[in-house]
Amino acid sequence: MNKDRKVMQQELKVHKDLKEILDCKDHKEKQVNKDRKVI
């Protein structure tokens, strides 16, 4: 039981990190698109 909880926490952390990376990437692309529209 304890082991499973540890694994779940680990996966949650990885999932969170992944989401942040994707959000960051998405945000950068939006910034780039905004810059292109300005030109």
N, C-alpha and C. Protein backbone atom coordinates (compact mmCIF):
# COMPACT_ATOMS: atom_id res chain seq x y z
N MET A 1 0.84 -1.21 0.00
CA MET A 1 0.00 0.00 0.00
C MET A 1 0.88 1.26 0.00
N ASN A 2 1.81 1.30 0.90
CA ASN A 2 2.70 2.46 0.97
C ASN A 2 3.48 2.64 -0.31
N LYS A 3 3.93 1.52 -0.85
CA LYS A 3 4.71 1.55 -2.08
C LYS A 3 3.87 2.14 -3.22
N ASP A 4 2.63 1.69 -3.30
CA ASP A 4 1.74 2.17 -4.36
C ASP A 4 1.56 3.68 -4.26
N ARG A 5 1.41 4.14 -3.04
CA ARG A 5 1.22 5.58 -2.84
C ARG A 5 2.45 6.34 -3.31
N LYS A 6 3.61 5.82 -3.01
CA LYS A 6 4.86 6.46 -3.46
C LYS A 6 4.89 6.54 -4.98
N VAL A 7 4.56 5.44 -5.61
CA VAL A 7 4.57 5.38 -7.07
C VAL A 7 3.58 6.39 -7.64
N MET A 8 2.41 6.46 -7.04
CA MET A 8 1.40 7.41 -7.52
C MET A 8 1.91 8.85 -7.39
N GLN A 9 2.54 9.13 -6.26
CA GLN A 9 3.08 10.49 -6.06
C GLN A 9 4.13 10.80 -7.13
N GLN A 10 4.94 9.80 -7.40
CA GLN A 10 5.98 9.95 -8.41
C GLN A 10 5.34 10.27 -9.76
N GLU A 11 4.32 9.50 -10.11
CA GLU A 11 3.66 9.71 -11.40
C GLU A 11 2.96 11.06 -11.45
N LEU A 12 2.38 11.46 -10.34
CA LEU A 12 1.73 12.76 -10.29
C LEU A 12 2.74 13.87 -10.54
N LYS A 13 3.89 13.74 -9.90
CA LYS A 13 4.94 14.75 -10.06
C LYS A 13 5.38 14.82 -11.53
N VAL A 14 5.60 13.66 -12.12
CA VAL A 14 6.03 13.62 -13.52
C VAL A 14 4.96 14.25 -14.40
N HIS A 15 3.71 13.90 -14.12
CA HIS A 15 2.60 14.43 -14.91
C HIS A 15 2.55 15.96 -14.79
N LYS A 16 2.75 16.45 -13.59
CA LYS A 16 2.72 17.89 -13.35
C LYS A 16 3.85 18.57 -14.12
N ASP A 17 5.05 17.99 -14.02
CA ASP A 17 6.21 18.56 -14.73
C ASP A 17 5.94 18.59 -16.23
N LEU A 18 5.38 17.50 -16.72
CA LEU A 18 5.09 17.40 -18.15
C LEU A 18 4.09 18.48 -18.56
N LYS A 19 3.08 18.66 -17.74
CA LYS A 19 2.05 19.65 -18.04
C LYS A 19 2.67 21.05 -18.07
N GLU A 20 3.54 21.32 -17.12
CA GLU A 20 4.19 22.64 -17.08
C GLU A 20 5.04 22.86 -18.32
N ILE A 21 5.74 21.82 -18.72
CA ILE A 21 6.58 21.93 -19.93
C ILE A 21 5.70 22.21 -21.14
N LEU A 22 4.60 21.48 -21.25
CA LEU A 22 3.70 21.67 -22.39
C LEU A 22 3.07 23.06 -22.35
N ASP A 23 2.65 23.49 -21.17
CA ASP A 23 2.06 24.82 -21.04
C ASP A 23 3.07 25.89 -21.45
N CYS A 24 4.29 25.70 -21.02
CA CYS A 24 5.36 26.65 -21.34
C CYS A 24 5.56 26.71 -22.85
N LYS A 25 5.60 25.54 -23.48
CA LYS A 25 5.79 25.46 -24.92
C LYS A 25 4.63 26.16 -25.62
N ASP A 26 3.43 25.86 -25.16
CA ASP A 26 2.23 26.45 -25.73
C ASP A 26 2.29 27.97 -25.60
N HIS A 27 2.69 28.43 -24.44
CA HIS A 27 2.77 29.87 -24.19
C HIS A 27 3.79 30.52 -25.12
N LYS A 28 4.93 29.87 -25.30
CA LYS A 28 5.96 30.42 -26.19
C LYS A 28 5.43 30.52 -27.62
N GLU A 29 4.70 29.50 -28.06
CA GLU A 29 4.18 29.52 -29.42
C GLU A 29 3.16 30.64 -29.58
N LYS A 30 2.36 30.86 -28.54
CA LYS A 30 1.39 31.96 -28.60
C LYS A 30 2.12 33.28 -28.70
N GLN A 31 3.20 33.42 -27.93
CA GLN A 31 4.00 34.65 -27.97
C GLN A 31 4.55 34.87 -29.38
N VAL A 32 5.06 33.81 -29.97
CA VAL A 32 5.62 33.90 -31.32
C VAL A 32 4.54 34.32 -32.30
N ASN A 33 3.37 33.73 -32.19
CA ASN A 33 2.27 34.07 -33.09
C ASN A 33 1.88 35.53 -32.92
N LYS A 34 1.87 35.98 -31.69
CA LYS A 34 1.54 37.38 -31.41
C LYS A 34 2.56 38.28 -32.09
N ASP A 35 3.83 37.93 -31.96
CA ASP A 35 4.91 38.71 -32.57
C ASP A 35 4.74 38.75 -34.08
N ARG A 36 4.35 37.63 -34.67
CA ARG A 36 4.19 37.58 -36.12
C ARG A 36 3.06 38.50 -36.58
N LYS A 37 1.98 38.52 -35.80
CA LYS A 37 0.84 39.36 -36.19
C LYS A 37 1.22 40.83 -36.18
N VAL A 38 2.09 41.19 -35.24
CA VAL A 38 2.52 42.58 -35.12
C VAL A 38 3.27 43.00 -36.38
N ILE A 39 4.07 42.11 -36.91
CA ILE A 39 4.89 42.45 -38.08
C ILE A 39 4.01 42.65 -39.31
